[in-house]
Amino acid sequence: MLYGTAAVLFGYSRGVEWLEYPLPAAAIIAAAFLLYGWSILSTFRARQVDHLYVSLWYIVASVIWFPILYVVANLPVYSGVVHAAVNWWFGHNALAVWFTPIGLALAYYFIPKVIGRPIYSYYLSLLGFWAFALFYNWNGIHHLIGGPVPTWLQTISIIASVLMVIPVLAVAVNHHLTTVGHFSRLRTSPTLRFTVFGAMCYTAVSFQGSAESLRSMQEVVHFTHYTIGHAHLGVYAFLSMILFGAMYYITPRVTRWNWPRPGAIRLHFWLCAGGIVLYVAVLTVGGWLQGRGMNNPALPFVDVVAATRPWLVLRTVGGILMGLGHVVFALLFVEMIWRAGPRRQEEPWGAAA
């Protein structure tokens, strides 16, 4: 990562979105991922139980899928249209087979764990996993609608994107019915608060992605800030917020020390949640208006740029709120590591997670 980042900063980027690192850096990262996957799969083979919980399905699948994806995408054998197709196959599947399985595995674990009840339906989780594995990997090519890519390839990607509503609904219903009757825990458990927020954003970003894959939608939002908001709704609002929830659960158990300031935890949540909601909302509305403006031949492009500026100012406000939330979390984390701040003795360590 250090070598690849330095190379890009000094101008040695490959110029391919999501695959900017030069090949030597990519080869080192690929080797690291293969070792990582081998380690986890070796541990998995040595398990002492036969039944596997749904979180393990997603984790094991991701450590098999992603190294293959990364190695294939970095092979120096593509050019032209084929390279563009492989690029977006990788770009979308980095979310599909790496970020998303990690987030769903955490949500499936922490929601029942914190509430203290089993997941609502084992069969719904089966449906969600296998439909996810079947449809998600075909997504991505819809980002090339209008480009010199075979129409049948674009159409397959659109169909698979729309069919993603099946696993998304299965996951959403399972999580919701597991939480029903225990929503009051959102006020007391930071882990549950962050995780449920992230899980809800997964549903939202998936439905938005299915709609965005349609040709009529792409005619408006392609090359606009709408797609930037969509990306942040997935990577930040879904995955990052669930990872924050995981940290609030894991850290007290590692340090054997409770989070010292519940008020600061709430402040962290509302700064990040409010910031990302504002960020996505203004880019969604502003991006849609930007696309409508660019499709209007009577409207000069410079006028479209000027009309977009207020929305970008609001986006900056959202980014600042998220940044402040990160500062609050960093200060809390340092206090936890050093066992500083007021000690909460009214409960055992980690109980409030």
Protein backbone atom coordinates (compact mmCIF):
# COMPACT_ATOMS: atom_id res chain seq x y z
CA MET A 1 0.00 0.00 0.00
CA LEU A 2 2.82 2.41 0.89
CA TYR A 3 4.70 1.69 -2.33
CA GLY A 4 1.58 1.91 -4.50
CA THR A 5 0.36 5.15 -2.92
CA ALA A 6 3.78 6.79 -3.24
CA ALA A 7 4.00 5.68 -6.88
CA VAL A 8 0.61 7.24 -7.69
CA LEU A 9 1.55 10.49 -5.93
CA PHE A 10 4.73 10.70 -8.02
CA GLY A 11 2.78 10.22 -11.25
CA TYR A 12 3.16 6.49 -11.87
CA SER A 13 -0.55 5.69 -11.90
CA ARG A 14 -1.91 3.16 -14.38
CA GLY A 15 -4.79 5.55 -15.04
CA VAL A 16 -7.44 2.88 -14.45
CA GLU A 17 -10.18 3.59 -11.93
CA TRP A 18 -9.85 1.41 -8.80
CA LEU A 19 -6.67 -0.13 -10.25
CA GLU A 20 -4.33 2.87 -10.17
CA TYR A 21 -1.41 1.11 -8.47
CA PRO A 22 1.48 0.01 -10.74
CA LEU A 23 1.70 -3.73 -11.34
CA PRO A 24 4.56 -4.44 -8.88
CA ALA A 25 2.51 -2.95 -6.03
CA ALA A 26 -0.59 -4.84 -7.19
CA ALA A 27 1.42 -8.08 -7.26
CA ILE A 28 2.54 -7.59 -3.66
CA ILE A 29 -1.03 -6.85 -2.54
CA ALA A 30 -2.32 -9.89 -4.45
CA ALA A 31 0.26 -12.10 -2.71
CA ALA A 32 -0.81 -10.66 0.66
CA PHE A 33 -4.48 -11.39 -0.08
CA LEU A 34 -3.68 -14.95 -1.14
CA LEU A 35 -1.78 -15.53 2.11
CA TYR A 36 -4.62 -13.95 4.06
CA GLY A 37 -7.18 -16.18 2.36
CA TRP A 38 -5.02 -19.27 2.87
CA SER A 39 -4.71 -18.50 6.58
CA ILE A 40 -8.47 -18.07 7.06
CA LEU A 41 -9.36 -21.13 5.00
CA SER A 42 -6.82 -23.23 6.95
CA THR A 43 -8.48 -22.09 10.17
CA PHE A 44 -11.86 -22.86 8.64
CA ARG A 45 -10.80 -26.42 7.78
CA ALA A 46 -9.70 -27.00 11.36
CA ARG A 47 -13.14 -26.06 12.79
CA GLN A 48 -14.67 -28.30 15.44
CA VAL A 49 -18.32 -27.80 14.42
CA ASP A 50 -20.35 -28.78 11.37
CA HIS A 51 -23.01 -26.05 11.41
CA LEU A 52 -21.91 -22.68 10.05
CA TYR A 53 -23.58 -19.43 11.02
CA VAL A 54 -24.57 -17.08 8.18
CA SER A 55 -21.79 -14.59 9.00
CA LEU A 56 -19.20 -17.25 8.21
CA TRP A 57 -20.76 -17.92 4.82
CA TYR A 58 -20.11 -14.34 3.76
CA ILE A 59 -16.63 -14.17 5.30
CA VAL A 60 -15.40 -17.42 3.75
CA ALA A 61 -16.93 -16.54 0.40
CA SER A 62 -15.23 -13.13 0.39
CA VAL A 63 -11.75 -14.53 1.07
CA ILE A 64 -12.20 -16.92 -1.86
CA TRP A 65 -13.81 -14.46 -4.27
CA PHE A 66 -11.73 -11.34 -3.77
CA PRO A 67 -8.19 -12.69 -4.32
CA ILE A 68 -9.37 -14.31 -7.57
CA LEU A 69 -11.05 -11.07 -8.62
CA TYR A 70 -7.99 -8.94 -7.81
CA VAL A 71 -5.52 -11.23 -9.58
CA VAL A 72 -7.64 -11.57 -12.74
CA ALA A 73 -8.35 -7.82 -12.93
CA ASN A 74 -4.63 -6.98 -12.68
CA LEU A 75 -3.44 -9.35 -15.42
CA PRO A 76 -1.55 -7.25 -18.00
CA VAL A 77 -3.35 -8.81 -20.96
CA TYR A 78 -6.31 -6.48 -21.55
CA SER A 79 -6.69 -3.54 -23.89
CA GLY A 80 -9.35 -1.31 -25.36
CA VAL A 81 -12.99 -2.17 -24.77
CA VAL A 82 -12.10 -5.44 -23.02
CA HIS A 83 -10.00 -3.52 -20.51
CA ALA A 84 -12.90 -1.15 -19.80
CA ALA A 85 -15.26 -4.07 -19.23
CA VAL A 86 -12.80 -5.84 -16.92
CA ASN A 87 -12.18 -2.58 -15.11
CA TRP A 88 -15.83 -2.10 -14.19
CA TRP A 89 -16.31 -5.79 -13.53
CA PHE A 90 -13.59 -5.36 -10.92
CA GLY A 91 -14.74 -1.94 -9.69
CA HIS A 92 -18.25 -3.08 -8.88
CA ASN A 93 -17.19 -6.49 -7.59
CA ALA A 94 -14.71 -4.93 -5.17
CA LEU A 95 -17.89 -3.75 -3.45
CA ALA A 96 -19.79 -6.96 -4.22
CA VAL A 97 -17.34 -9.62 -3.05
CA TRP A 98 -15.24 -7.75 -0.51
CA PHE A 99 -16.89 -4.76 1.19
CA THR A 100 -20.47 -6.00 1.12
CA PRO A 101 -19.88 -9.53 2.51
CA ILE A 102 -17.86 -8.03 5.37
CA GLY A 103 -20.63 -5.58 6.21
CA LEU A 104 -23.38 -8.19 5.98
CA ALA A 105 -21.40 -10.66 8.07
CA LEU A 106 -21.03 -8.04 10.81
CA ALA A 107 -24.72 -7.08 10.65
CA TYR A 108 -25.83 -10.72 10.82
CA TYR A 109 -23.60 -11.21 13.86
CA PHE A 110 -24.10 -8.04 15.90
CA ILE A 111 -27.85 -7.50 15.56
CA PRO A 112 -28.79 -10.89 17.11
CA LYS A 113 -25.83 -10.77 19.51
CA VAL A 114 -26.67 -7.41 21.06
CA ILE A 115 -30.42 -8.08 21.15
CA GLY A 116 -29.93 -11.57 22.58
CA ARG A 117 -32.14 -13.53 20.20
CA PRO A 118 -31.43 -15.71 17.12
CA ILE A 119 -31.74 -14.41 13.59
CA TYR A 120 -35.38 -14.44 12.48
CA SER A 121 -35.14 -16.94 9.61
CA TYR A 122 -32.36 -19.34 8.64
CA TYR A 123 -34.03 -19.96 5.27
CA LEU A 124 -34.25 -16.26 4.46
CA SER A 125 -30.53 -15.96 5.15
CA LEU A 126 -29.93 -18.89 2.77
CA LEU A 127 -32.01 -17.21 0.07
CA GLY A 128 -30.20 -13.93 0.61
CA PHE A 129 -26.73 -15.46 0.41
CA TRP A 130 -27.19 -17.61 -2.68
CA ALA A 131 -29.13 -14.95 -4.59
CA PHE A 132 -26.35 -12.51 -3.65
CA ALA A 133 -23.71 -14.93 -4.96
CA LEU A 134 -25.67 -15.52 -8.18
CA PHE A 135 -26.60 -11.96 -9.17
CA TYR A 136 -24.13 -9.47 -7.68
CA ASN A 137 -21.04 -10.51 -9.63
CA TRP A 138 -22.79 -9.67 -12.95
CA ASN A 139 -23.23 -6.03 -11.97
CA GLY A 140 -20.82 -3.30 -13.02
CA ILE A 141 -21.07 -3.25 -16.80
CA HIS A 142 -24.11 -0.99 -16.51
CA HIS A 143 -21.59 1.78 -15.76
CA LEU A 144 -20.59 1.50 -19.42
CA ILE A 145 -24.08 2.01 -20.87
CA GLY A 146 -23.71 4.21 -23.93
CA GLY A 147 -20.13 3.11 -24.45
CA PRO A 148 -18.63 0.82 -27.13
CA VAL A 149 -19.58 -2.33 -25.19
CA PRO A 150 -21.76 -5.11 -26.65
CA THR A 151 -25.42 -4.44 -25.93
CA TRP A 152 -26.01 -8.01 -24.71
CA LEU A 153 -23.31 -7.56 -22.06
CA GLN A 154 -24.91 -4.33 -20.84
CA THR A 155 -28.34 -5.99 -20.78
CA ILE A 156 -27.15 -8.95 -18.71
CA SER A 157 -25.65 -6.52 -16.19
CA ILE A 158 -28.90 -4.53 -16.01
CA ILE A 159 -30.98 -7.68 -15.46
CA ALA A 160 -28.64 -8.91 -12.72
CA SER A 161 -28.70 -5.47 -11.08
CA VAL A 162 -32.50 -5.43 -10.99
CA LEU A 163 -32.62 -9.01 -9.66
CA MET A 164 -30.47 -7.86 -6.72
CA VAL A 165 -33.72 -6.75 -5.09
CA ILE A 166 -34.25 -10.43 -4.16
CA PRO A 167 -31.24 -10.89 -1.82
CA VAL A 168 -31.55 -7.32 -0.56
CA LEU A 169 -35.18 -7.83 0.46
CA ALA A 170 -34.30 -11.15 2.09
CA VAL A 171 -31.57 -9.51 4.18
CA ALA A 172 -33.68 -6.44 5.03
CA VAL A 173 -36.69 -8.50 6.15
CA ASN A 174 -34.48 -10.83 8.19
CA HIS A 175 -32.74 -7.99 10.00
CA HIS A 176 -35.95 -6.05 10.59
CA LEU A 177 -37.93 -8.98 11.99
CA THR A 178 -34.99 -9.90 14.21
CA THR A 179 -34.98 -6.37 15.65
CA VAL A 180 -38.76 -5.98 16.05
CA GLY A 181 -39.65 -5.49 19.70
CA HIS A 182 -36.11 -4.43 20.60
CA PHE A 183 -35.78 -1.05 18.93
CA SER A 184 -35.39 0.54 22.37
CA ARG A 185 -31.89 -0.97 22.47
CA LEU A 186 -30.87 1.51 19.79
CA ARG A 187 -30.82 4.19 22.50
CA THR A 188 -28.48 2.29 24.79
CA SER A 189 -26.24 0.25 22.48
CA PRO A 190 -23.84 2.12 20.18
CA THR A 191 -23.04 -1.14 18.39
CA LEU A 192 -26.68 -1.75 17.54
CA ARG A 193 -27.25 1.91 16.62
CA PHE A 194 -24.40 2.02 14.11
CA THR A 195 -25.11 -1.47 12.77
CA VAL A 196 -28.83 -0.93 12.19
CA PHE A 197 -28.13 2.40 10.49
CA GLY A 198 -25.59 0.71 8.22
CA ALA A 199 -27.95 -2.19 7.45
CA MET A 200 -30.73 0.25 6.50
CA CYS A 201 -28.31 2.09 4.21
CA TYR A 202 -27.39 -1.22 2.56
CA THR A 203 -31.04 -1.65 1.62
CA ALA A 204 -31.24 1.93 0.35
CA VAL A 205 -28.05 1.84 -1.71
CA SER A 206 -28.98 -1.52 -3.24
CA PHE A 207 -32.41 -0.33 -4.37
CA GLN A 208 -30.81 2.86 -5.68
CA GLY A 209 -28.22 0.79 -7.56
CA SER A 210 -30.91 -1.36 -9.18
CA ALA A 211 -32.75 1.76 -10.36
CA GLU A 212 -29.53 3.41 -11.50
CA SER A 213 -28.67 0.47 -13.74
CA LEU A 214 -31.69 1.14 -15.99
CA ARG A 215 -30.88 2.80 -19.30
CA SER A 216 -33.46 5.55 -18.79
CA MET A 217 -31.86 6.41 -15.45
CA GLN A 218 -28.32 6.27 -16.83
CA GLU A 219 -29.28 8.81 -19.50
CA VAL A 220 -29.67 11.37 -16.72
CA VAL A 221 -27.26 10.45 -13.92
CA HIS A 222 -24.26 9.16 -15.88
CA PHE A 223 -21.18 11.38 -15.35
CA THR A 224 -22.90 13.36 -12.58
CA HIS A 225 -22.47 13.82 -8.85
CA TYR A 226 -25.43 11.47 -8.37
CA THR A 227 -23.10 8.50 -8.78
CA ILE A 228 -20.69 9.99 -6.20
CA GLY A 229 -23.50 10.14 -3.66
CA HIS A 230 -24.47 6.57 -4.53
CA ALA A 231 -20.89 5.36 -3.93
CA HIS A 232 -20.71 7.08 -0.54
CA LEU A 233 -24.07 5.67 0.49
CA GLY A 234 -22.59 2.20 -0.01
CA VAL A 235 -19.01 2.46 1.18
CA TYR A 236 -19.50 4.95 4.02
CA ALA A 237 -23.13 4.88 5.16
CA PHE A 238 -23.30 1.08 4.94
CA LEU A 239 -19.84 -0.34 5.55
CA SER A 240 -18.05 2.35 7.57
CA MET A 241 -20.95 2.83 9.98
CA ILE A 242 -21.17 -0.92 10.61
CA LEU A 243 -17.38 -1.00 11.17
CA PHE A 244 -17.77 1.78 13.74
CA GLY A 245 -20.38 -0.37 15.47
CA ALA A 246 -17.98 -3.32 15.43
CA MET A 247 -15.27 -1.18 17.04
CA TYR A 248 -17.65 -0.16 19.82
CA TYR A 249 -18.24 -3.86 20.53
CA ILE A 250 -14.70 -5.18 20.11
CA THR A 251 -12.56 -2.51 21.77
CA PRO A 252 -13.94 -2.86 25.32
CA ARG A 253 -13.38 -6.60 25.14
CA VAL A 254 -9.79 -6.16 24.01
CA THR A 255 -8.89 -3.40 26.49
CA ARG A 256 -11.19 -4.60 29.32
CA TRP A 257 -12.24 -1.03 29.80
CA ASN A 258 -15.61 0.60 29.12
CA TRP A 259 -16.08 3.46 26.73
CA PRO A 260 -15.73 6.44 29.06
CA ARG A 261 -18.10 9.02 27.55
CA PRO A 262 -21.56 7.86 26.36
CA GLY A 263 -22.39 11.42 25.35
CA ALA A 264 -19.38 11.55 23.04
CA ILE A 265 -20.46 8.25 21.45
CA ARG A 266 -23.87 9.74 20.69
CA LEU A 267 -22.19 12.86 19.30
CA HIS A 268 -20.02 10.66 17.06
CA PHE A 269 -23.06 8.85 15.72
CA TRP A 270 -25.13 11.94 14.99
CA LEU A 271 -22.25 13.81 13.37
CA CYS A 272 -21.45 10.89 11.06
CA ALA A 273 -25.06 9.90 10.38
CA GLY A 274 -26.19 13.49 9.83
CA GLY A 275 -23.15 14.24 7.71
CA ILE A 276 -23.56 11.26 5.38
CA VAL A 277 -27.33 11.76 5.03
CA LEU A 278 -26.76 15.39 4.05
CA TYR A 279 -23.87 14.41 1.76
CA VAL A 280 -25.87 11.78 -0.11
CA ALA A 281 -29.10 13.79 -0.25
CA VAL A 282 -27.56 16.91 -1.80
CA LEU A 283 -25.51 14.91 -4.31
CA THR A 284 -28.57 12.88 -5.28
CA VAL A 285 -30.75 15.94 -5.90
CA GLY A 286 -27.93 18.08 -7.27
CA GLY A 287 -26.66 15.25 -9.49
CA TRP A 288 -30.12 14.66 -10.93
CA LEU A 289 -30.52 18.36 -11.75
CA GLN A 290 -26.98 18.38 -13.17
CA GLY A 291 -27.84 15.48 -15.48
CA ARG A 292 -31.06 17.12 -16.64
CA GLY A 293 -29.11 20.27 -17.38
CA MET A 294 -26.41 18.48 -19.36
CA ASN A 295 -29.10 16.77 -21.45
CA ASN A 296 -30.60 20.14 -22.36
CA PRO A 297 -28.85 21.31 -25.55
CA ALA A 298 -30.15 24.86 -25.05
CA LEU A 299 -28.38 25.21 -21.70
CA PRO A 300 -24.66 26.17 -21.80
CA PHE A 301 -22.41 23.78 -19.91
CA VAL A 302 -20.96 26.59 -17.81
CA ASP A 303 -24.48 27.34 -16.54
CA VAL A 304 -24.84 23.70 -15.47
CA VAL A 305 -21.57 23.97 -13.55
CA ALA A 306 -22.70 27.18 -11.85
CA ALA A 307 -26.05 25.63 -10.88
CA THR A 308 -24.25 22.65 -9.35
CA ARG A 309 -22.03 24.77 -7.08
CA PRO A 310 -24.54 25.32 -4.20
CA TRP A 311 -25.05 21.56 -3.94
CA LEU A 312 -21.29 21.04 -3.69
CA VAL A 313 -21.11 23.62 -0.88
CA LEU A 314 -23.70 21.61 1.04
CA ARG A 315 -21.70 18.47 0.29
CA THR A 316 -18.72 20.14 1.93
CA VAL A 317 -20.82 20.79 5.05
CA GLY A 318 -21.72 17.09 5.16
CA GLY A 319 -18.05 16.13 4.79
CA ILE A 320 -17.08 18.47 7.63
CA LEU A 321 -19.70 16.90 9.92
CA MET A 322 -18.35 13.42 9.14
CA GLY A 323 -14.78 14.63 9.72
CA LEU A 324 -15.73 16.04 13.12
CA GLY A 325 -17.35 12.71 13.98
CA HIS A 326 -14.11 10.94 13.12
CA VAL A 327 -12.17 13.28 15.42
CA VAL A 328 -14.56 12.49 18.27
CA PHE A 329 -14.13 8.76 17.67
CA ALA A 330 -10.34 9.07 17.47
CA LEU A 331 -10.22 10.87 20.84
CA LEU A 332 -12.50 8.24 22.38
CA PHE A 333 -10.34 5.46 20.97
CA VAL A 334 -7.14 6.98 22.38
CA GLU A 335 -8.80 7.24 25.78
CA MET A 336 -9.78 3.58 25.56
CA ILE A 337 -6.27 2.44 24.64
CA TRP A 338 -4.71 4.43 27.49
CA ARG A 339 -7.58 3.70 29.90
CA ALA A 340 -8.05 7.40 30.36
CA GLY A 341 -11.18 9.44 31.00
CA PRO A 342 -13.88 8.80 33.59
CA ARG A 343 -14.29 5.13 34.46
CA ARG A 344 -17.80 3.73 34.24
CA GLN A 345 -18.17 1.21 37.04
CA GLU A 346 -21.93 0.81 36.92
CA GLU A 347 -21.60 -2.09 34.48
CA PRO A 348 -19.02 -4.69 33.44
CA TRP A 349 -16.77 -3.87 30.50
CA GLY A 350 -18.48 -4.15 27.16
CA ALA A 351 -21.97 -4.60 28.55
CA ALA A 352 -23.24 -1.40 26.95
CA ALA A 353 -22.16 -2.52 23.51
